Amino acid sequence: MAKKLYKISFLNHTKVYELYARHVAASGLWGFTEVSDLVFDVHEGLVVDPTEERLRDEFGATQVLHLPMQSIIRVEEVEKKGQAVIRDAASGEKVVTPFPLPGKPR
């Protein structure tokens, strides 16, 4: 039997985060949803997707993520993992942090 896989979409600081996890349940903390066993693509060497890398840096060491119920937009049970993304909440466009160019002020 294959393990279940969930796609979780939630609001975080005016951005919509979409992560994949193996476990979603009601949290022991009142008003929160527990998300654990986060799933990230593992690439050796070259970084293929900077957004996935950013999410892995932010949540890679997280054992259990307790999300406030009001921040969760959707929880979907899916058959296979898609791309983890960060979107702007207002426009819905993907947020990609550009690489800094030498000589250009930030």
PDB file of N, CA and C in Angstrom:
ATOM      1  N   MET A   1       0.837  -1.178   0.000  1.00  0.00           N
ATOM      2  CA  MET A   1       0.000   0.000   0.000  1.00  0.00           C
ATOM      3  C   MET A   1       0.884   1.244   0.000  1.00  0.00           C
ATOM      4  N   ALA A   2       0.603   2.170  -0.908  1.00  0.00           N
ATOM      5  CA  ALA A   2       1.371   3.405  -1.003  1.00  0.00           C
ATOM      6  C   ALA A   2       0.962   4.360   0.113  1.00  0.00           C
ATOM      7  N   LYS A   3       1.945   5.100   0.609  1.00  0.00           N
ATOM      8  CA  LYS A   3       1.654   6.096   1.641  1.00  0.00           C
ATOM      9  C   LYS A   3       0.849   7.230   1.029  1.00  0.00           C
ATOM     10  N   LYS A   4      -0.058   7.789   1.822  1.00  0.00           N
ATOM     11  CA  LYS A   4      -0.853   8.919   1.352  1.00  0.00           C
ATOM     12  C   LYS A   4       0.035  10.147   1.226  1.00  0.00           C
ATOM     13  N   LEU A   5      -0.324  11.015   0.279  1.00  0.00           N
ATOM     14  CA  LEU A   5       0.411  12.247   0.043  1.00  0.00           C
ATOM     15  C   LEU A   5      -0.599  13.389  -0.024  1.00  0.00           C
ATOM     16  N   TYR A   6      -0.310  14.462   0.684  1.00  0.00           N
ATOM     17  CA  TYR A   6      -1.209  15.602   0.750  1.00  0.00           C
ATOM     18  C   TYR A   6      -0.519  16.861   0.227  1.00  0.00           C
ATOM     19  N   LYS A   7      -1.289  17.680  -0.478  1.00  0.00           N
ATOM     20  CA  LYS A   7      -0.830  19.003  -0.896  1.00  0.00           C
ATOM     21  C   LYS A   7      -1.545  20.004   0.010  1.00  0.00           C
ATOM     22  N   ILE A   8      -0.778  20.806   0.731  1.00  0.00           N
ATOM     23  CA  ILE A   8      -1.330  21.762   1.685  1.00  0.00           C
ATOM     24  C   ILE A   8      -1.050  23.171   1.175  1.00  0.00           C
ATOM     25  N   SER A   9      -2.106  23.967   1.016  1.00  0.00           N
ATOM     26  CA  SER A   9      -1.979  25.368   0.614  1.00  0.00           C
ATOM     27  C   SER A   9      -2.376  26.231   1.802  1.00  0.00           C
ATOM     28  N   PHE A  10      -1.499  27.169   2.176  1.00  0.00           N
ATOM     29  CA  PHE A  10      -1.794  28.025   3.322  1.00  0.00           C
ATOM     30  C   PHE A  10      -1.198  29.411   3.143  1.00  0.00           C
ATOM     31  N   LEU A  11      -1.781  30.388   3.832  1.00  0.00           N
ATOM     32  CA  LEU A  11      -1.307  31.770   3.798  1.00  0.00           C
ATOM     33  C   LEU A  11      -0.191  31.963   4.819  1.00  0.00           C
ATOM     34  N   ASN A  12       0.858  32.679   4.394  1.00  0.00           N
ATOM     35  CA  ASN A  12       1.975  32.990   5.283  1.00  0.00           C
ATOM     36  C   ASN A  12       2.559  34.329   4.846  1.00  0.00           C
ATOM     37  N   HIS A  13       2.302  35.398   5.614  1.00  0.00           N
ATOM     38  CA  HIS A  13       2.851  36.727   5.331  1.00  0.00           C
ATOM     39  C   HIS A  13       2.567  37.187   3.899  1.00  0.00           C
ATOM     40  N   THR A  14       1.318  37.300   3.524  1.00  0.00           N
ATOM     41  CA  THR A  14       0.830  37.752   2.201  1.00  0.00           C
ATOM     42  C   THR A  14       1.256  36.843   1.046  1.00  0.00           C
ATOM     43  N   LYS A  15       1.694  35.660   1.346  1.00  0.00           N
ATOM     44  CA  LYS A  15       2.073  34.688   0.313  1.00  0.00           C
ATOM     45  C   LYS A  15       1.282  33.404   0.542  1.00  0.00           C
ATOM     46  N   VAL A  16       1.027  32.679  -0.540  1.00  0.00           N
ATOM     47  CA  VAL A  16       0.393  31.371  -0.456  1.00  0.00           C
ATOM     48  C   VAL A  16       1.484  30.332  -0.659  1.00  0.00           C
ATOM     49  N   TYR A  17       1.695  29.495   0.339  1.00  0.00           N
ATOM     50  CA  TYR A  17       2.677  28.419   0.275  1.00  0.00           C
ATOM     51  C   TYR A  17       1.954  27.134  -0.087  1.00  0.00           C
ATOM     52  N   GLU A  18       2.553  26.342  -0.963  1.00  0.00           N
ATOM     53  CA  GLU A  18       2.025  25.022  -1.306  1.00  0.00           C
ATOM     54  C   GLU A  18       3.117  24.002  -1.010  1.00  0.00           C
ATOM     55  N   LEU A  19       2.873  23.164  -0.001  1.00  0.00           N
ATOM     56  CA  LEU A  19       3.823  22.143   0.419  1.00  0.00           C
ATOM     57  C   LEU A  19       3.190  20.765   0.290  1.00  0.00           C
ATOM     58  N   TYR A  20       4.028  19.735   0.287  1.00  0.00           N
ATOM     59  CA  TYR A  20       3.561  18.348   0.248  1.00  0.00           C
ATOM     60  C   TYR A  20       3.991  17.654   1.524  1.00  0.00           C
ATOM     61  N   ALA A  21       3.093  16.829   2.068  1.00  0.00           N
ATOM     62  CA  ALA A  21       3.378  16.125   3.314  1.00  0.00           C
ATOM     63  C   ALA A  21       2.693  14.767   3.317  1.00  0.00           C
ATOM     64  N   ARG A  22       3.194  13.882   4.158  1.00  0.00           N
ATOM     65  CA  ARG A  22       2.634  12.531   4.293  1.00  0.00           C
ATOM     66  C   ARG A  22       1.579  12.439   5.399  1.00  0.00           C
ATOM     67  N   HIS A  23       1.576  13.433   6.312  1.00  0.00           N
ATOM     68  CA  HIS A  23       0.657  13.343   7.456  1.00  0.00           C
ATOM     69  C   HIS A  23       0.003  14.698   7.719  1.00  0.00           C
ATOM     70  N   VAL A  24      -1.329  14.715   7.773  1.00  0.00           N
ATOM     71  CA  VAL A  24      -2.106  15.898   8.138  1.00  0.00           C
ATOM     72  C   VAL A  24      -3.177  15.448   9.115  1.00  0.00           C
ATOM     73  N   ALA A  25      -3.298  16.154  10.251  1.00  0.00           N
ATOM     74  CA  ALA A  25      -4.292  15.777  11.270  1.00  0.00           C
ATOM     75  C   ALA A  25      -4.611  16.984  12.140  1.00  0.00           C
ATOM     76  N   ALA A  26      -5.665  16.839  12.931  1.00  0.00           N
ATOM     77  CA  ALA A  26      -5.974  17.867  13.923  1.00  0.00           C
ATOM     78  C   ALA A  26      -4.837  17.895  14.937  1.00  0.00           C
ATOM     79  N   SER A  27      -4.433  19.086  15.317  1.00  0.00           N
ATOM     80  CA  SER A  27      -3.322  19.236  16.251  1.00  0.00           C
ATOM     81  C   SER A  27      -3.812  19.130  17.690  1.00  0.00           C
ATOM     82  N   GLY A  28      -2.905  18.802  18.578  1.00  0.00           N
ATOM     83  CA  GLY A  28      -3.207  18.821  19.997  1.00  0.00           C
ATOM     84  C   GLY A  28      -3.343  20.255  20.510  1.00  0.00           C
ATOM     85  N   LEU A  29      -2.870  21.219  19.709  1.00  0.00           N
ATOM     86  CA  LEU A  29      -3.015  22.632  20.035  1.00  0.00           C
ATOM     87  C   LEU A  29      -4.345  23.107  19.454  1.00  0.00           C
ATOM     88  N   TRP A  30      -5.196  23.652  20.280  1.00  0.00           N
ATOM     89  CA  TRP A  30      -6.522  24.051  19.850  1.00  0.00           C
ATOM     90  C   TRP A  30      -6.454  25.097  18.740  1.00  0.00           C
ATOM     91  N   GLY A  31      -7.175  24.864  17.641  1.00  0.00           N
ATOM     92  CA  GLY A  31      -7.239  25.803  16.534  1.00  0.00           C
ATOM     93  C   GLY A  31      -6.137  25.636  15.501  1.00  0.00           C
ATOM     94  N   PHE A  32      -5.356  24.585  15.604  1.00  0.00           N
ATOM     95  CA  PHE A  32      -4.255  24.360  14.677  1.00  0.00           C
ATOM     96  C   PHE A  32      -4.416  23.014  13.968  1.00  0.00           C
ATOM     97  N   THR A  33      -3.786  22.915  12.793  1.00  0.00           N
ATOM     98  CA  THR A  33      -3.720  21.663  12.048  1.00  0.00           C
ATOM     99  C   THR A  33      -2.264  21.217  12.029  1.00  0.00           C
ATOM    100  N   GLU A  34      -2.045  19.947  12.277  1.00  0.00           N
ATOM    101  CA  GLU A  34      -0.699  19.381  12.350  1.00  0.00           C
ATOM    102  C   GLU A  34      -0.306  18.816  10.985  1.00  0.00           C
ATOM    103  N   VAL A  35       0.844  19.251  10.484  1.00  0.00           N
ATOM    104  CA  VAL A  35       1.378  18.773   9.210  1.00  0.00           C
ATOM    105  C   VAL A  35       2.783  18.254   9.490  1.00  0.00           C
ATOM    106  N   SER A  36       3.048  16.995   9.113  1.00  0.00           N
ATOM    107  CA  SER A  36       4.382  16.436   9.354  1.00  0.00           C
ATOM    108  C   SER A  36       4.806  15.561   8.179  1.00  0.00           C
ATOM    109  N   ASP A  37       6.018  15.081   8.239  1.00  0.00           N
ATOM    110  CA  ASP A  37       6.635  14.306   7.155  1.00  0.00           C
ATOM    111  C   ASP A  37       6.578  15.077   5.835  1.00  0.00           C
ATOM    112  N   LEU A  38       7.118  16.298   5.851  1.00  0.00           N
ATOM    113  CA  LEU A  38       7.146  17.128   4.649  1.00  0.00           C
ATOM    114  C   LEU A  38       7.986  16.445   3.574  1.00  0.00           C
ATOM    115  N   VAL A  39       7.560  16.591   2.329  1.00  0.00           N
ATOM    116  CA  VAL A  39       8.219  15.934   1.193  1.00  0.00           C
ATOM    117  C   VAL A  39       8.821  17.000   0.289  1.00  0.00           C
ATOM    118  N   PHE A  40      10.116  16.891   0.035  1.00  0.00           N
ATOM    119  CA  PHE A  40      10.822  17.794  -0.874  1.00  0.00           C
ATOM    120  C   PHE A  40      11.572  16.968  -1.902  1.00  0.00           C
ATOM    121  N   ASP A  41      11.759  17.549  -3.101  1.00  0.00           N
ATOM    122  CA  ASP A  41      12.597  16.899  -4.107  1.00  0.00           C
ATOM    123  C   ASP A  41      14.039  16.988  -3.632  1.00  0.00           C
ATOM    124  N   VAL A  42      14.788  15.937  -3.816  1.00  0.00           N
ATOM    125  CA  VAL A  42      16.196  15.927  -3.440  1.00  0.00           C
ATOM    126  C   VAL A  42      17.014  15.887  -4.725  1.00  0.00           C
ATOM    127  N   HIS A  43      17.698  16.998  -4.981  1.00  0.00           N
ATOM    128  CA  HIS A  43      18.546  17.092  -6.171  1.00  0.00           C
ATOM    129  C   HIS A  43      19.993  17.161  -5.728  1.00  0.00           C
ATOM    130  N   GLU A  44      20.815  16.395  -6.344  1.00  0.00           N
ATOM    131  CA  GLU A  44      22.246  16.431  -6.056  1.00  0.00           C
ATOM    132  C   GLU A  44      22.898  17.463  -6.965  1.00  0.00           C
ATOM    133  N   GLY A  45      23.713  18.317  -6.403  1.00  0.00           N
ATOM    134  CA  GLY A  45      24.476  19.275  -7.201  1.00  0.00           C
ATOM    135  C   GLY A  45      23.673  20.492  -7.595  1.00  0.00           C
ATOM    136  N   LEU A  46      23.397  20.643  -8.878  1.00  0.00           N
ATOM    137  CA  LEU A  46      22.768  21.818  -9.450  1.00  0.00           C
ATOM    138  C   LEU A  46      21.369  22.047  -8.887  1.00  0.00           C
ATOM    139  N   VAL A  47      21.088  23.295  -8.502  1.00  0.00           N
ATOM    140  CA  VAL A  47      19.761  23.658  -8.010  1.00  0.00           C
ATOM    141  C   VAL A  47      18.854  23.866  -9.209  1.00  0.00           C
ATOM    142  N   VAL A  48      17.823  23.042  -9.320  1.00  0.00           N
ATOM    143  CA  VAL A  48      16.919  23.106 -10.457  1.00  0.00           C
ATOM    144  C   VAL A  48      15.800  24.109 -10.207  1.00  0.00           C
ATOM    145  N   ASP A  49      15.265  24.137  -9.007  1.00  0.00           N
ATOM    146  CA  ASP A  49      14.132  24.991  -8.675  1.00  0.00           C
ATOM    147  C   ASP A  49      14.453  25.819  -7.437  1.00  0.00           C
ATOM    148  N   PRO A  50      14.707  27.142  -7.592  1.00  0.00           N
ATOM    149  CA  PRO A  50      15.072  27.955  -6.435  1.00  0.00           C
ATOM    150  C   PRO A  50      13.953  28.051  -5.394  1.00  0.00           C
ATOM    151  N   THR A  51      12.690  27.976  -5.817  1.00  0.00           N
ATOM    152  CA  THR A  51      11.588  28.033  -4.859  1.00  0.00           C
ATOM    153  C   THR A  51      11.574  26.798  -3.982  1.00  0.00           C
ATOM    154  N   GLU A  52      11.748  25.623  -4.585  1.00  0.00           N
ATOM    155  CA  GLU A  52      11.807  24.373  -3.814  1.00  0.00           C
ATOM    156  C   GLU A  52      12.981  24.416  -2.834  1.00  0.00           C
ATOM    157  N   GLU A  53      14.104  24.957  -3.280  1.00  0.00           N
ATOM    158  CA  GLU A  53      15.285  25.080  -2.420  1.00  0.00           C
ATOM    159  C   GLU A  53      14.997  26.022  -1.246  1.00  0.00           C
ATOM    160  N   ARG A  54      14.303  27.117  -1.518  1.00  0.00           N
ATOM    161  CA  ARG A  54      13.955  28.073  -0.465  1.00  0.00           C
ATOM    162  C   ARG A  54      13.020  27.431   0.561  1.00  0.00           C
ATOM    163  N   LEU A  55      12.032  26.679   0.094  1.00  0.00           N
ATOM    164  CA  LEU A  55      11.108  25.995   0.999  1.00  0.00           C
ATOM    165  C   LEU A  55      11.825  24.927   1.816  1.00  0.00           C
ATOM    166  N   ARG A  56      12.736  24.204   1.190  1.00  0.00           N
ATOM    167  CA  ARG A  56      13.508  23.183   1.910  1.00  0.00           C
ATOM    168  C   ARG A  56      14.391  23.832   2.973  1.00  0.00           C
ATOM    169  N   ASP A  57      14.985  25.003   2.653  1.00  0.00           N
ATOM    170  CA  ASP A  57      15.793  25.719   3.645  1.00  0.00           C
ATOM    171  C   ASP A  57      14.934  26.176   4.822  1.00  0.00           C
ATOM    172  N   GLU A  58      13.714  26.631   4.541  1.00  0.00           N
ATOM    173  CA  GLU A  58      12.844  27.141   5.596  1.00  0.00           C
ATOM    174  C   GLU A  58      12.215  26.029   6.432  1.00  0.00           C
ATOM    175  N   PHE A  59      11.783  24.924   5.784  1.00  0.00           N
ATOM    176  CA  PHE A  59      11.025  23.891   6.480  1.00  0.00           C
ATOM    177  C   PHE A  59      11.721  22.530   6.539  1.00  0.00           C
ATOM    178  N   GLY A  60      12.922  22.411   5.996  1.00  0.00           N
ATOM    179  CA  GLY A  60      13.601  21.124   5.918  1.00  0.00           C
ATOM    180  C   GLY A  60      13.851  20.439   7.249  1.00  0.00           C
ATOM    181  N   ALA A  61      14.135  21.208   8.294  1.00  0.00           N
ATOM    182  CA  ALA A  61      14.411  20.630   9.609  1.00  0.00           C
ATOM    183  C   ALA A  61      13.163  20.557  10.490  1.00  0.00           C
ATOM    184  N   THR A  62      12.016  20.923   9.928  1.00  0.00           N
ATOM    185  CA  THR A  62      10.767  20.939  10.693  1.00  0.00           C
ATOM    186  C   THR A  62      10.250  19.522  10.876  1.00  0.00           C
ATOM    187  N   GLN A  63      10.005  19.136  12.124  1.00  0.00           N
ATOM    188  CA  GLN A  63       9.437  17.814  12.393  1.00  0.00           C
ATOM    189  C   GLN A  63       7.921  17.853  12.276  1.00  0.00           C
ATOM    190  N   VAL A  64       7.290  18.840  12.911  1.00  0.00           N
ATOM    191  CA  VAL A  64       5.836  19.004  12.847  1.00  0.00           C
ATOM    192  C   VAL A  64       5.536  20.485  12.664  1.00  0.00           C
ATOM    193  N   LEU A  65       4.718  20.790  11.683  1.00  0.00           N
ATOM    194  CA  LEU A  65       4.306  22.156  11.406  1.00  0.00           C
ATOM    195  C   LEU A  65       2.876  22.315  11.915  1.00  0.00           C
ATOM    196  N   HIS A  66       2.653  23.238  12.840  1.00  0.00           N
ATOM    197  CA  HIS A  66       1.316  23.500  13.371  1.00  0.00           C
ATOM    198  C   HIS A  66       0.808  24.772  12.696  1.00  0.00           C
ATOM    199  N   LEU A  67      -0.162  24.616  11.804  1.00  0.00           N
ATOM    200  CA  LEU A  67      -0.699  25.753  11.058  1.00  0.00           C
ATOM    201  C   LEU A  67      -2.026  26.196  11.658  1.00  0.00           C
ATOM    202  N   PRO A  68      -2.229  27.505  11.846  1.00  0.00           N
ATOM    203  CA  PRO A  68      -3.530  27.977  12.315  1.00  0.00           C
ATOM    204  C   PRO A  68      -4.608  27.600  11.285  1.00  0.00           C
ATOM    205  N   MET A  69      -5.729  27.102  11.763  1.00  0.00           N
ATOM    206  CA  MET A  69      -6.781  26.645  10.844  1.00  0.00           C
ATOM    207  C   MET A  69      -7.226  27.742   9.884  1.00  0.00           C
ATOM    208  N   GLN A  70      -7.265  29.004  10.339  1.00  0.00           N
ATOM    209  CA  GLN A  70      -7.737  30.079   9.472  1.00  0.00           C
ATOM    210  C   GLN A  70      -6.750  30.425   8.365  1.00  0.00           C
ATOM    211  N   SER A  71      -5.499  29.961   8.454  1.00  0.00           N
ATOM    212  CA  SER A  71      -4.528  30.236   7.400  1.00  0.00           C
ATOM    213  C   SER A  71      -4.555  29.176   6.300  1.00  0.00           C
ATOM    214  N   ILE A  72      -5.188  28.035   6.557  1.00  0.00           N
ATOM    215  CA  ILE A  72      -5.203  26.954   5.572  1.00  0.00           C
ATOM    216  C   ILE A  72      -6.273  27.231   4.509  1.00  0.00           C
ATOM    217  N   ILE A  73      -5.846  27.181   3.260  1.00  0.00           N
ATOM    218  CA  ILE A  73      -6.751  27.396   2.136  1.00  0.00           C
ATOM    219  C   ILE A  73      -7.342  26.071   1.681  1.00  0.00           C
ATOM    220  N   ARG A  74      -6.475  25.051   1.561  1.00  0.00           N
ATOM    221  CA  ARG A  74      -6.923  23.769   1.033  1.00  0.00           C
ATOM    222  C   ARG A  74      -5.961  22.662   1.421  1.00  0.00           C
ATOM    223  N   VAL A  75      -6.504  21.479   1.637  1.00  0.00           N
ATOM    224  CA  VAL A  75      -5.709  20.265   1.834  1.00  0.00           C
ATOM    225  C   VAL A  75      -6.240  19.251   0.823  1.00  0.00           C
ATOM    226  N   GLU A  76      -5.367  18.772  -0.050  1.00  0.00           N
ATOM    227  CA  GLU A  76      -5.757  17.814  -1.081  1.00  0.00           C
ATOM    228  C   GLU A  76      -4.971  16.526  -0.926  1.00  0.00           C
ATOM    229  N   GLU A  77      -5.633  15.389  -1.069  1.00  0.00           N
ATOM    230  CA  GLU A  77      -4.917  14.126  -1.143  1.00  0.00           C
ATOM    231  C   GLU A  77      -4.594  13.904  -2.612  1.00  0.00           C
ATOM    232  N   VAL A  78      -3.324  13.738  -2.943  1.00  0.00           N
ATOM    233  CA  VAL A  78      -2.886  13.621  -4.333  1.00  0.00           C
ATOM    234  C   VAL A  78      -2.159  12.303  -4.549  1.00  0.00           C
ATOM    235  N   GLU A  79      -2.042  11.899  -5.804  1.00  0.00           N
ATOM    236  CA  GLU A  79      -1.366  10.643  -6.132  1.00  0.00           C
ATOM    237  C   GLU A  79       0.136  10.808  -6.258  1.00  0.00           C
ATOM    238  N   LYS A  80       0.582  11.968  -6.785  1.00  0.00           N
ATOM    239  CA  LYS A  80       2.017  12.186  -6.925  1.00  0.00           C
ATOM    240  C   LYS A  80       2.353  13.631  -6.610  1.00  0.00           C
ATOM    241  N   LYS A  81       3.599  13.849  -6.242  1.00  0.00           N
ATOM    242  CA  LYS A  81       4.061  15.176  -5.851  1.00  0.00           C
ATOM    243  C   LYS A  81       4.219  16.063  -7.069  1.00  0.00           C
ATOM    244  N   GLY A  82       3.752  17.282  -6.938  1.00  0.00           N
ATOM    245  CA  GLY A  82       3.973  18.301  -7.949  1.00  0.00           C
ATOM    246  C   GLY A  82       5.051  19.254  -7.463  1.00  0.00           C
ATOM    247  N   GLN A  83       5.068  20.424  -8.040  1.00  0.00           N
ATOM    248  CA  GLN A  83       6.061  21.418  -7.674  1.00  0.00           C
ATOM    249  C   GLN A  83       5.576  22.192  -6.450  1.00  0.00           C
ATOM    250  N   ALA A  84       6.409  22.304  -5.435  1.00  0.00           N
ATOM    251  CA  ALA A  84       6.114  23.144  -4.271  1.00  0.00           C
ATOM    252  C   ALA A  84       6.371  24.584  -4.675  1.00  0.00           C
ATOM    253  N   VAL A  85       5.423  25.468  -4.366  1.00  0.00           N
ATOM    254  CA  VAL A  85       5.549  26.847  -4.831  1.00  0.00           C
ATOM    255  C   VAL A  85       5.200  27.838  -3.727  1.00  0.00           C
ATOM    256  N   ILE A  86       5.608  29.075  -3.972  1.00  0.00           N
ATOM    257  CA  ILE A  86       5.189  30.220  -3.162  1.00  0.00           C
ATOM    258  C   ILE A  86       4.560  31.191  -4.140  1.00  0.00           C
ATOM    259  N   ARG A  87       3.316  31.588  -3.869  1.00  0.00           N
ATOM    260  CA  ARG A  87       2.594  32.516  -4.742  1.00  0.00           C
ATOM    261  C   ARG A  87       2.248  33.786  -3.977  1.00  0.00           C
ATOM    262  N   ASP A  88       2.110  34.875  -4.722  1.00  0.00           N
ATOM    263  CA  ASP A  88       1.618  36.104  -4.144  1.00  0.00           C
ATOM    264  C   ASP A  88       0.127  35.923  -3.882  1.00  0.00           C
ATOM    265  N   ALA A  89      -0.346  36.238  -2.683  1.00  0.00           N
ATOM    266  CA  ALA A  89      -1.743  36.001  -2.321  1.00  0.00           C
ATOM    267  C   ALA A  89      -2.696  36.856  -3.152  1.00  0.00           C
ATOM    268  N   ALA A  90      -2.306  38.068  -3.499  1.00  0.00           N
ATOM    269  CA  ALA A  90      -3.194  38.965  -4.237  1.00  0.00           C
ATOM    270  C   ALA A  90      -3.287  38.594  -5.717  1.00  0.00           C
ATOM    271  N   SER A  91      -2.147  38.377  -6.366  1.00  0.00           N
ATOM    272  CA  SER A  91      -2.151  38.136  -7.811  1.00  0.00           C
ATOM    273  C   SER A  91      -2.158  36.657  -8.179  1.00  0.00           C
ATOM    274  N   GLY A  92      -1.690  35.794  -7.285  1.00  0.00           N
ATOM    275  CA  GLY A  92      -1.608  34.366  -7.586  1.00  0.00           C
ATOM    276  C   GLY A  92      -0.383  33.979  -8.390  1.00  0.00           C
ATOM    277  N   GLU A  93       0.461  34.958  -8.725  1.00  0.00           N
ATOM    278  CA  GLU A  93       1.660  34.669  -9.503  1.00  0.00           C
ATOM    279  C   GLU A  93       2.740  34.071  -8.611  1.00  0.00           C
ATOM    280  N   LYS A  94       3.560  33.214  -9.204  1.00  0.00           N
ATOM    281  CA  LYS A  94       4.657  32.606  -8.460  1.00  0.00           C
ATOM    282  C   LYS A  94       5.641  33.679  -8.031  1.00  0.00           C
ATOM    283  N   VAL A  95       6.139  33.524  -6.813  1.00  0.00           N
ATOM    284  CA  VAL A  95       7.139  34.440  -6.288  1.00  0.00           C
ATOM    285  C   VAL A  95       8.486  33.761  -6.458  1.00  0.00           C
ATOM    286  N   VAL A  96       9.308  34.349  -7.293  1.00  0.00           N
ATOM    287  CA  VAL A  96      10.645  33.806  -7.516  1.00  0.00           C
ATOM    288  C   VAL A  96      11.637  34.869  -7.105  1.00  0.00           C
ATOM    289  N   THR A  97      12.514  34.522  -6.197  1.00  0.00           N
ATOM    290  CA  THR A  97      13.547  35.453  -5.765  1.00  0.00           C
ATOM    291  C   THR A  97      14.657  35.451  -6.805  1.00  0.00           C
ATOM    292  N   PRO A  98      14.854  36.601  -7.493  1.00  0.00           N
ATOM    293  CA  PRO A  98      15.907  36.620  -8.511  1.00  0.00           C
ATOM    294  C   PRO A  98      17.292  36.579  -7.879  1.00  0.00           C
ATOM    295  N   PHE A  99      18.223  36.021  -8.640  1.00  0.00           N
ATOM    296  CA  PHE A  99      19.596  36.015  -8.165  1.00  0.00           C
ATOM    297  C   PHE A  99      20.148  37.439  -8.244  1.00  0.00           C
ATOM    298  N   PRO A 100      20.866  37.883  -7.203  1.00  0.00           N
ATOM    299  CA  PRO A 100      21.429  39.248  -7.256  1.00  0.00           C
ATOM    300  C   PRO A 100      22.506  39.331  -8.335  1.00  0.00           C
ATOM    301  N   LEU A 101      22.464  40.412  -9.078  1.00  0.00           N
ATOM    302  CA  LEU A 101      23.459  40.612 -10.128  1.00  0.00           C
ATOM    303  C   LEU A 101      24.589  41.496  -9.582  1.00  0.00           C
ATOM    304  N   PRO A 102      25.816  41.221  -9.990  1.00  0.00           N
ATOM    305  CA  PRO A 102      26.930  42.014  -9.488  1.00  0.00           C
ATOM    306  C   PRO A 102      26.788  43.457  -9.975  1.00  0.00           C
ATOM    307  N   GLY A 103      27.073  44.393  -9.054  1.00  0.00           N
ATOM    308  CA  GLY A 103      27.046  45.800  -9.425  1.00  0.00           C
ATOM    309  C   GLY A 103      25.681  46.455  -9.364  1.00  0.00           C
ATOM    310  N   LYS A 104      24.622  45.680  -9.181  1.00  0.00           N
ATOM    311  CA  LYS A 104      23.285  46.269  -9.102  1.00  0.00           C
ATOM    312  C   LYS A 104      22.882  46.401  -7.645  1.00  0.00           C
ATOM    313  N   PRO A 105      22.449  47.606  -7.224  1.00  0.00           N
ATOM    314  CA  PRO A 105      21.995  47.740  -5.841  1.00  0.00           C
ATOM    315  C   PRO A 105      20.669  47.008  -5.641  1.00  0.00           C
ATOM    316  N   ARG A 106      20.449  46.524  -4.429  1.00  0.00           N
ATOM    317  CA  ARG A 106      19.213  45.784  -4.134  1.00  0.00           C
ATOM    318  C   ARG A 106      18.085  46.699  -3.845  1.00  0.00           C
TER     319      ARG A 106
END
